PDB file of N, CA and C in Angstrom:
ATOM      1  N   MET A   1     -24.109  44.038  52.565  1.00  0.00           N
ATOM      2  CA  MET A   1     -25.277  44.580  52.872  1.00  0.00           C
ATOM      3  C   MET A   1     -25.674  44.550  54.096  1.00  0.00           C
ATOM      4  N   ALA A   2     -26.315  45.730  54.758  1.00  0.00           N
ATOM      5  CA  ALA A   2     -26.374  45.436  56.027  1.00  0.00           C
ATOM      6  C   ALA A   2     -27.872  45.189  56.348  1.00  0.00           C
ATOM      7  N   GLY A   3     -28.323  44.269  57.363  1.00  0.00           N
ATOM      8  CA  GLY A   3     -30.030  43.614  57.647  1.00  0.00           C
ATOM      9  C   GLY A   3     -30.082  43.068  56.404  1.00  0.00           C
ATOM     10  N   SER A   4     -29.592  42.729  55.525  1.00  0.00           N
ATOM     11  CA  SER A   4     -29.762  41.640  54.408  1.00  0.00           C
ATOM     12  C   SER A   4     -29.056  40.701  54.122  1.00  0.00           C
ATOM     13  N   PHE A   5     -29.435  39.138  53.885  1.00  0.00           N
ATOM     14  CA  PHE A   5     -28.620  37.878  53.959  1.00  0.00           C
ATOM     15  C   PHE A   5     -29.135  37.131  52.893  1.00  0.00           C
ATOM     16  N   PRO A   6     -28.419  36.823  52.040  1.00  0.00           N
ATOM     17  CA  PRO A   6     -29.108  35.565  51.331  1.00  0.00           C
ATOM     18  C   PRO A   6     -29.288  34.643  51.173  1.00  0.00           C
ATOM     19  N   ALA A   7     -29.702  33.693  50.519  1.00  0.00           N
ATOM     20  CA  ALA A   7     -30.361  32.731  51.132  1.00  0.00           C
ATOM     21  C   ALA A   7     -29.355  31.380  51.694  1.00  0.00           C
ATOM     22  N   PRO A   8     -29.615  30.731  52.548  1.00  0.00           N
ATOM     23  CA  PRO A   8     -28.588  30.046  52.843  1.00  0.00           C
ATOM     24  C   PRO A   8     -28.603  28.779  51.873  1.00  0.00           C
ATOM     25  N   GLN A   9     -27.344  28.069  51.528  1.00  0.00           N
ATOM     26  CA  GLN A   9     -27.362  26.856  50.606  1.00  0.00           C
ATOM     27  C   GLN A   9     -28.371  25.920  51.352  1.00  0.00           C
ATOM     28  N   VAL A  10     -28.387  24.865  50.355  1.00  0.00           N
ATOM     29  CA  VAL A  10     -29.599  23.783  51.556  1.00  0.00           C
ATOM     30  C   VAL A  10     -28.646  23.224  52.201  1.00  0.00           C
ATOM     31  N   GLY A  11     -28.993  22.578  53.466  1.00  0.00           N
ATOM     32  CA  GLY A  11     -28.453  21.762  54.303  1.00  0.00           C
ATOM     33  C   GLY A  11     -28.803  20.657  55.601  1.00  0.00           C
ATOM     34  N   SER A  12     -28.642  20.313  56.068  1.00  0.00           N
ATOM     35  CA  SER A  12     -29.154  19.239  57.152  1.00  0.00           C
ATOM     36  C   SER A  12     -30.278  19.805  57.735  1.00  0.00           C
ATOM     37  N   SER A  13     -31.145  19.003  58.594  1.00  0.00           N
ATOM     38  CA  SER A  13     -32.566  19.360  59.147  1.00  0.00           C
ATOM     39  C   SER A  13     -32.097  18.188  60.456  1.00  0.00           C
ATOM     40  N   GLN A  14     -32.323  18.804  61.687  1.00  0.00           N
ATOM     41  CA  GLN A  14     -32.713  18.028  62.431  1.00  0.00           C
ATOM     42  C   GLN A  14     -33.763  18.390  63.488  1.00  0.00           C
ATOM     43  N   ILE A  15     -34.473  17.353  64.191  1.00  0.00           N
ATOM     44  CA  ILE A  15     -35.425  17.507  65.590  1.00  0.00           C
ATOM     45  C   ILE A  15     -34.691  17.628  66.787  1.00  0.00           C
ATOM     46  N   TRP A  16     -34.543  18.994  67.260  1.00  0.00           N
ATOM     47  CA  TRP A  16     -34.080  18.827  68.819  1.00  0.00           C
ATOM     48  C   TRP A  16     -35.028  19.251  69.960  1.00  0.00           C
ATOM     49  N   ILE A  17     -34.887  18.710  70.954  1.00  0.00           N
ATOM     50  CA  ILE A  17     -35.766  18.535  71.758  1.00  0.00           C
ATOM     51  C   ILE A  17     -34.933  18.832  73.042  1.00  0.00           C
ATOM     52  N   ILE A  18     -35.238  20.075  74.215  1.00  0.00           N
ATOM     53  CA  ILE A  18     -34.434  20.623  75.223  1.00  0.00           C
ATOM     54  C   ILE A  18     -34.634  19.328  75.522  1.00  0.00           C
ATOM     55  N   ASP A  19     -33.881  18.943  76.299  1.00  0.00           N
ATOM     56  CA  ASP A  19     -34.177  17.595  77.338  1.00  0.00           C
ATOM     57  C   ASP A  19     -33.883  18.402  78.795  1.00  0.00           C
ATOM     58  N   GLN A  20     -32.466  19.475  79.120  1.00  0.00           N
ATOM     59  CA  GLN A  20     -31.873  19.895  80.434  1.00  0.00           C
ATOM     60  C   GLN A  20     -31.508  20.872  79.950  1.00  0.00           C
ATOM     61  N   ILE A  21     -31.482  22.184  80.834  1.00  0.00           N
ATOM     62  CA  ILE A  21     -30.985  23.271  80.627  1.00  0.00           C
ATOM     63  C   ILE A  21     -30.090  23.795  82.361  1.00  0.00           C
ATOM     64  N   GLU A  22     -28.754  23.629  82.230  1.00  0.00           N
ATOM     65  CA  GLU A  22     -28.201  24.150  83.641  1.00  0.00           C
ATOM     66  C   GLU A  22     -27.106  24.431  83.702  1.00  0.00           C
ATOM     67  N   ASP A  23     -26.512  25.705  84.084  1.00  0.00           N
ATOM     68  CA  ASP A  23     -25.750  26.444  83.881  1.00  0.00           C
ATOM     69  C   ASP A  23     -25.380  26.801  82.497  1.00  0.00           C
ATOM     70  N   GLY A  24     -26.207  27.354  81.744  1.00  0.00           N
ATOM     71  CA  GLY A  24     -25.866  27.528  80.760  1.00  0.00           C
ATOM     72  C   GLY A  24     -25.735  26.894  79.645  1.00  0.00           C
ATOM     73  N   VAL A  25     -26.006  25.630  79.638  1.00  0.00           N
ATOM     74  CA  VAL A  25     -25.700  24.953  78.633  1.00  0.00           C
ATOM     75  C   VAL A  25     -27.091  23.723  78.763  1.00  0.00           C
ATOM     76  N   ALA A  26     -26.951  23.533  77.146  1.00  0.00           N
ATOM     77  CA  ALA A  26     -28.656  22.771  77.303  1.00  0.00           C
ATOM     78  C   ALA A  26     -28.036  20.855  76.642  1.00  0.00           C
ATOM     79  N   SER A  27     -28.823  20.119  77.479  1.00  0.00           N
ATOM     80  CA  SER A  27     -28.444  19.207  76.658  1.00  0.00           C
ATOM     81  C   SER A  27     -29.675  18.580  75.726  1.00  0.00           C
ATOM     82  N   ILE A  28     -29.607  18.247  74.313  1.00  0.00           N
ATOM     83  CA  ILE A  28     -30.666  17.950  73.987  1.00  0.00           C
ATOM     84  C   ILE A  28     -30.623  16.751  73.117  1.00  0.00           C
ATOM     85  N   GLU A  29     -31.924  16.468  72.709  1.00  0.00           N
ATOM     86  CA  GLU A  29     -32.146  15.023  71.973  1.00  0.00           C
ATOM     87  C   GLU A  29     -31.981  15.298  70.635  1.00  0.00           C
ATOM     88  N   VAL A  30     -31.244  14.668  69.913  1.00  0.00           N
ATOM     89  CA  VAL A  30     -31.138  15.115  68.271  1.00  0.00           C
ATOM     90  C   VAL A  30     -31.802  13.717  67.479  1.00  0.00           C
ATOM     91  N   ASP A  31     -32.975  14.153  67.123  1.00  0.00           N
ATOM     92  CA  ASP A  31     -33.382  13.254  66.221  1.00  0.00           C
ATOM     93  C   ASP A  31     -33.828  11.761  66.811  1.00  0.00           C
ATOM     94  N   GLY A  32     -34.058  11.912  67.919  1.00  0.00           N
ATOM     95  CA  GLY A  32     -34.543  10.943  69.083  1.00  0.00           C
ATOM     96  C   GLY A  32     -34.052   9.556  69.149  1.00  0.00           C
ATOM     97  N   ASN A  33     -32.054   9.906  69.365  1.00  0.00           N
ATOM     98  CA  ASN A  33     -31.307   8.571  69.188  1.00  0.00           C
ATOM     99  C   ASN A  33     -29.724   9.175  69.809  1.00  0.00           C
ATOM    100  N   ARG A  34     -30.080  10.355  69.926  1.00  0.00           N
ATOM    101  CA  ARG A  34     -28.469  10.387  70.372  1.00  0.00           C
ATOM    102  C   ARG A  34     -28.756  12.150  71.557  1.00  0.00           C
ATOM    103  N   THR A  35     -28.102  12.348  72.087  1.00  0.00           N
ATOM    104  CA  THR A  35     -27.950  13.318  73.044  1.00  0.00           C
ATOM    105  C   THR A  35     -26.037  14.281  72.845  1.00  0.00           C
ATOM    106  N   ILE A  36     -26.515  15.808  71.901  1.00  0.00           N
ATOM    107  CA  ILE A  36     -25.246  16.358  72.583  1.00  0.00           C
ATOM    108  C   ILE A  36     -26.073  17.550  73.489  1.00  0.00           C
ATOM    109  N   THR A  37     -24.573  17.984  73.792  1.00  0.00           N
ATOM    110  CA  THR A  37     -24.261  19.469  74.487  1.00  0.00           C
ATOM    111  C   THR A  37     -24.353  20.688  73.872  1.00  0.00           C
ATOM    112  N   ILE A  38     -25.376  21.822  74.282  1.00  0.00           N
ATOM    113  CA  ILE A  38     -24.644  22.981  73.376  1.00  0.00           C
ATOM    114  C   ILE A  38     -24.827  24.189  74.114  1.00  0.00           C
ATOM    115  N   PRO A  39     -24.410  25.089  74.004  1.00  0.00           N
ATOM    116  CA  PRO A  39     -24.507  26.564  74.913  1.00  0.00           C
ATOM    117  C   PRO A  39     -25.876  27.384  74.979  1.00  0.00           C
ATOM    118  N   VAL A  40     -26.398  27.806  75.711  1.00  0.00           N
ATOM    119  CA  VAL A  40     -27.904  27.874  75.485  1.00  0.00           C
ATOM    120  C   VAL A  40     -27.491  29.270  74.738  1.00  0.00           C
ATOM    121  N   ALA A  41     -27.131  29.660  74.818  1.00  0.00           N
ATOM    122  CA  ALA A  41     -26.257  31.184  74.182  1.00  0.00           C
ATOM    123  C   ALA A  41     -26.953  30.785  72.519  1.00  0.00           C
ATOM    124  N   VAL A  42     -26.477  30.133  72.088  1.00  0.00           N
ATOM    125  CA  VAL A  42     -26.781  30.221  70.868  1.00  0.00           C
ATOM    126  C   VAL A  42     -28.525  29.602  70.470  1.00  0.00           C
ATOM    127  N   LEU A  43     -28.864  28.876  71.381  1.00  0.00           N
ATOM    128  CA  LEU A  43     -30.745  28.626  71.242  1.00  0.00           C
ATOM    129  C   LEU A  43     -31.284  30.208  70.886  1.00  0.00           C
ATOM    130  N   PRO A  44     -32.373  29.676  70.127  1.00  0.00           N
ATOM    131  CA  PRO A  44     -33.297  30.749  70.832  1.00  0.00           C
ATOM    132  C   PRO A  44     -33.997  31.782  71.917  1.00  0.00           C
ATOM    133  N   LYS A  45     -33.679  32.925  72.070  1.00  0.00           N
ATOM    134  CA  LYS A  45     -34.257  33.356  73.346  1.00  0.00           C
ATOM    135  C   LYS A  45     -35.455  32.668  74.063  1.00  0.00           C
ATOM    136  N   GLY A  46     -35.498  32.276  75.229  1.00  0.00           N
ATOM    137  CA  GLY A  46     -36.369  31.963  75.661  1.00  0.00           C
ATOM    138  C   GLY A  46     -36.591  30.285  76.107  1.00  0.00           C
ATOM    139  N   VAL A  47     -35.858  29.671  74.970  1.00  0.00           N
ATOM    140  CA  VAL A  47     -35.785  28.110  75.306  1.00  0.00           C
ATOM    141  C   VAL A  47     -36.064  27.798  76.710  1.00  0.00           C
ATOM    142  N   GLN A  48     -37.095  26.472  76.857  1.00  0.00           N
ATOM    143  CA  GLN A  48     -37.368  25.573  77.723  1.00  0.00           C
ATOM    144  C   GLN A  48     -36.910  24.319  77.928  1.00  0.00           C
ATOM    145  N   GLU A  49     -36.706  23.296  78.673  1.00  0.00           N
ATOM    146  CA  GLU A  49     -37.187  21.946  78.812  1.00  0.00           C
ATOM    147  C   GLU A  49     -38.384  22.053  78.031  1.00  0.00           C
ATOM    148  N   GLY A  50     -38.154  20.368  77.284  1.00  0.00           N
ATOM    149  CA  GLY A  50     -39.346  20.395  76.545  1.00  0.00           C
ATOM    150  C   GLY A  50     -40.019  20.581  75.227  1.00  0.00           C
ATOM    151  N   ASP A  51     -38.767  22.101  75.246  1.00  0.00           N
ATOM    152  CA  ASP A  51     -39.366  22.978  73.563  1.00  0.00           C
ATOM    153  C   ASP A  51     -38.688  21.686  72.417  1.00  0.00           C
ATOM    154  N   VAL A  52     -39.384  21.682  71.398  1.00  0.00           N
ATOM    155  CA  VAL A  52     -38.996  21.300  70.128  1.00  0.00           C
ATOM    156  C   VAL A  52     -38.501  21.869  69.289  1.00  0.00           C
ATOM    157  N   LEU A  53     -37.256  22.113  68.552  1.00  0.00           N
ATOM    158  CA  LEU A  53     -36.930  22.991  67.725  1.00  0.00           C
ATOM    159  C   LEU A  53     -36.449  21.966  66.192  1.00  0.00           C
ATOM    160  N   ARG A  54     -36.506  23.182  65.027  1.00  0.00           N
ATOM    161  CA  ARG A  54     -36.068  21.971  64.239  1.00  0.00           C
ATOM    162  C   ARG A  54     -34.463  23.132  63.782  1.00  0.00           C
ATOM    163  N   ALA A  55     -33.542  22.576  63.976  1.00  0.00           N
ATOM    164  CA  ALA A  55     -31.975  22.679  63.467  1.00  0.00           C
ATOM    165  C   ALA A  55     -31.693  22.670  62.339  1.00  0.00           C
ATOM    166  N   THR A  56     -31.385  23.798  61.245  1.00  0.00           N
ATOM    167  CA  THR A  56     -30.520  23.346  60.165  1.00  0.00           C
ATOM    168  C   THR A  56     -29.302  24.295  59.947  1.00  0.00           C
ATOM    169  N   ILE A  57     -28.492  23.671  59.708  1.00  0.00           N
ATOM    170  CA  ILE A  57     -27.428  24.234  59.120  1.00  0.00           C
ATOM    171  C   ILE A  57     -26.635  23.972  57.657  1.00  0.00           C
ATOM    172  N   ALA A  58     -26.588  25.128  57.206  1.00  0.00           N
ATOM    173  CA  ALA A  58     -26.369  25.560  55.808  1.00  0.00           C
ATOM    174  C   ALA A  58     -25.121  26.069  55.706  1.00  0.00           C
ATOM    175  N   GLN A  59     -24.140  25.914  54.781  1.00  0.00           N
ATOM    176  CA  GLN A  59     -23.140  26.400  54.635  1.00  0.00           C
ATOM    177  C   GLN A  59     -23.562  27.623  53.615  1.00  0.00           C
ATOM    178  N   ASP A  60     -22.579  28.861  54.042  1.00  0.00           N
ATOM    179  CA  ASP A  60     -23.223  30.221  53.431  1.00  0.00           C
ATOM    180  C   ASP A  60     -22.022  30.575  52.305  1.00  0.00           C
ATOM    181  N   ARG A  61     -21.653  29.888  51.008  1.00  0.00           N
ATOM    182  CA  ARG A  61     -21.160  30.414  49.999  1.00  0.00           C
ATOM    183  C   ARG A  61     -20.550  31.911  49.944  1.00  0.00           C
ATOM    184  N   ASP A  62     -21.928  32.481  49.576  1.00  0.00           N
ATOM    185  CA  ASP A  62     -21.425  33.737  49.353  1.00  0.00           C
ATOM    186  C   ASP A  62     -21.037  34.782  50.223  1.00  0.00           C
ATOM    187  N   GLU A  63     -21.314  34.332  51.917  1.00  0.00           N
ATOM    188  CA  GLU A  63     -19.983  34.809  53.164  1.00  0.00           C
ATOM    189  C   GLU A  63     -18.578  34.167  53.032  1.00  0.00           C
ATOM    190  N   LYS A  64     -18.698  33.206  52.473  1.00  0.00           N
ATOM    191  CA  LYS A  64     -17.416  32.457  52.226  1.00  0.00           C
ATOM    192  C   LYS A  64     -16.703  33.022  51.376  1.00  0.00           C
ATOM    193  N   ALA A  65     -17.164  33.708  50.480  1.00  0.00           N
ATOM    194  CA  ALA A  65     -16.148  33.990  48.758  1.00  0.00           C
ATOM    195  C   ALA A  65     -15.962  35.570  49.503  1.00  0.00           C
ATOM    196  N   ARG A  66     -17.230  36.221  50.161  1.00  0.00           N
ATOM    197  CA  ARG A  66     -17.111  37.503  50.237  1.00  0.00           C
ATOM    198  C   ARG A  66     -15.560  37.707  51.469  1.00  0.00           C
ATOM    199  N   ARG A  67     -15.459  36.889  51.993  1.00  0.00           N
ATOM    200  CA  ARG A  67     -14.355  36.972  53.281  1.00  0.00           C
ATOM    201  C   ARG A  67     -13.063  36.601  52.697  1.00  0.00           C
ATOM    202  N   LEU A  68     -13.350  35.460  51.675  1.00  0.00           N
ATOM    203  CA  LEU A  68     -11.762  35.284  51.032  1.00  0.00           C
ATOM    204  C   LEU A  68     -11.338  36.171  50.057  1.00  0.00           C
ATOM    205  N   ALA A  69     -12.701  37.186  49.853  1.00  0.00           N
ATOM    206  CA  ALA A  69     -12.222  38.201  48.499  1.00  0.00           C
ATOM    207  C   ALA A  69     -11.588  39.847  49.821  1.00  0.00           C
ATOM    208  N   GLN A  70     -12.108  39.623  51.325  1.00  0.00           N
ATOM    209  CA  GLN A  70     -11.575  40.443  51.679  1.00  0.00           C
ATOM    210  C   GLN A  70      -9.787  40.657  51.920  1.00  0.00           C
ATOM    211  N   SER A  71      -9.985  38.774  52.522  1.00  0.00           N
ATOM    212  CA  SER A  71      -8.408  38.405  52.703  1.00  0.00           C
ATOM    213  C   SER A  71      -7.834  38.608  51.177  1.00  0.00           C
ATOM    214  N   ALA A  72      -8.074  38.794  50.544  1.00  0.00           N
ATOM    215  CA  ALA A  72      -6.829  38.573  49.544  1.00  0.00           C
ATOM    216  C   ALA A  72      -7.035  40.658  49.407  1.00  0.00           C
ATOM    217  N   SER A  73      -7.874  40.773  49.542  1.00  0.00           N
ATOM    218  CA  SER A  73      -7.853  42.780  49.476  1.00  0.00           C
ATOM    219  C   SER A  73      -6.314  42.800  50.838  1.00  0.00           C
ATOM    220  N   GLN A  74      -6.692  42.421  52.059  1.00  0.00           N
ATOM    221  CA  GLN A  74      -5.625  42.782  52.901  1.00  0.00           C
ATOM    222  C   GLN A  74      -4.205  42.516  52.621  1.00  0.00           C
ATOM    223  N   LEU A  75      -4.234  41.355  51.728  1.00  0.00           N
ATOM    224  CA  LEU A  75      -2.580  41.026  51.508  1.00  0.00           C
ATOM    225  C   LEU A  75      -2.395  41.582  50.232  1.00  0.00           C
ATOM    226  N   SER A  76      -3.365  41.783  49.421  1.00  0.00           N
ATOM    227  CA  SER A  76      -2.553  43.138  48.234  1.00  0.00           C
ATOM    228  C   SER A  76      -2.044  44.482  48.360  1.00  0.00           C
ATOM    229  N   LYS A  77      -2.872  44.877  49.994  1.00  0.00           N
ATOM    230  CA  LYS A  77      -1.905  45.741  50.956  1.00  0.00           C
ATOM    231  C   LYS A  77      -1.106  45.731  51.776  1.00  0.00           C
ATOM    232  N   GLY A  78      -0.389  44.362  51.352  1.00  0.00           N
ATOM    233  CA  GLY A  78       0.815  44.431  52.731  1.00  0.00           C
ATOM    234  C   GLY A  78       0.324  44.014  53.840  1.00  0.00           C
ATOM    235  N   GLY A  79      -1.113  42.913  53.982  1.00  0.00           N
ATOM    236  CA  GLY A  79      -1.376  42.382  54.924  1.00  0.00           C
ATOM    237  C   GLY A  79      -1.959  42.983  55.662  1.00  0.00           C
ATOM    238  N   SER A  80      -2.137  42.876  57.369  1.00  0.00           N
ATOM    239  CA  SER A  80      -2.858  43.571  58.544  1.00  0.00           C
ATOM    240  C   SER A  80      -2.845  44.679  59.284  1.00  0.00           C
ATOM    241  N   GLY A  81      -1.418  45.058  58.163  1.00  0.00           N
ATOM    242  CA  GLY A  81      -1.210  46.774  58.944  1.00  0.00           C
ATOM    243  C   GLY A  81      -0.271  46.269  59.863  1.00  0.00           C
ATOM    244  N   GLY A  82       0.402  45.419  60.365  1.00  0.00           N
ATOM    245  CA  GLY A  82       1.311  45.196  61.508  1.00  0.00           C
ATOM    246  C   GLY A  82       0.034  44.601  62.659  1.00  0.00           C
ATOM    247  N   LYS A  83      -0.565  44.141  62.270  1.00  0.00           N
ATOM    248  CA  LYS A  83      -1.850  43.692  64.279  1.00  0.00           C
ATOM    249  C   LYS A  83      -1.901  42.124  64.049  1.00  0.00           C
ATOM    250  N   GLY A  84      -1.198  41.691  63.370  1.00  0.00           N
ATOM    251  CA  GLY A  84      -1.373  40.299  62.861  1.00  0.00           C
ATOM    252  C   GLY A  84      -1.880  39.420  62.203  1.00  0.00           C
ATOM    253  N   ASN A  85      -2.713  38.236  62.327  1.00  0.00           N
ATOM    254  CA  ASN A  85      -3.248  37.752  61.517  1.00  0.00           C
ATOM    255  C   ASN A  85      -4.374  38.327  60.527  1.00  0.00           C
ATOM    256  N   ILE A  86      -4.813  37.638  59.383  1.00  0.00           N
ATOM    257  CA  ILE A  86      -5.497  38.048  58.916  1.00  0.00           C
ATOM    258  C   ILE A  86      -7.318  37.857  59.159  1.00  0.00           C
ATOM    259  N   THR A  87      -8.208  38.632  59.228  1.00  0.00           N
ATOM    260  CA  THR A  87      -9.262  38.414  59.602  1.00  0.00           C
ATOM    261  C   THR A  87     -10.159  38.112  58.662  1.00  0.00           C
ATOM    262  N   LEU A  88     -10.506  36.763  59.323  1.00  0.00           N
ATOM    263  CA  LEU A  88     -11.692  35.977  57.660  1.00  0.00           C
ATOM    264  C   LEU A  88     -13.327  36.019  58.139  1.00  0.00           C
TER     265      LEU A  88
END
């Protein structure tokens, strides 16, 4: 359904502080005890050094089930039509 997303499954949540942004990569302090780097493209538009973000990562079981059903449908029709791997 376009524009409609099911509620994500309960996931972990962390506080991220943008420490530095350089060459399209952000250095992020996670929960005050470690640093990770992540492409700026996956962060909210307009983030700046010093911004505080709440990051939540959750499983989307409904989307996984949809993709597995789509894959099964492709297999039952003889694969991907000779174009290579099945798309998940």
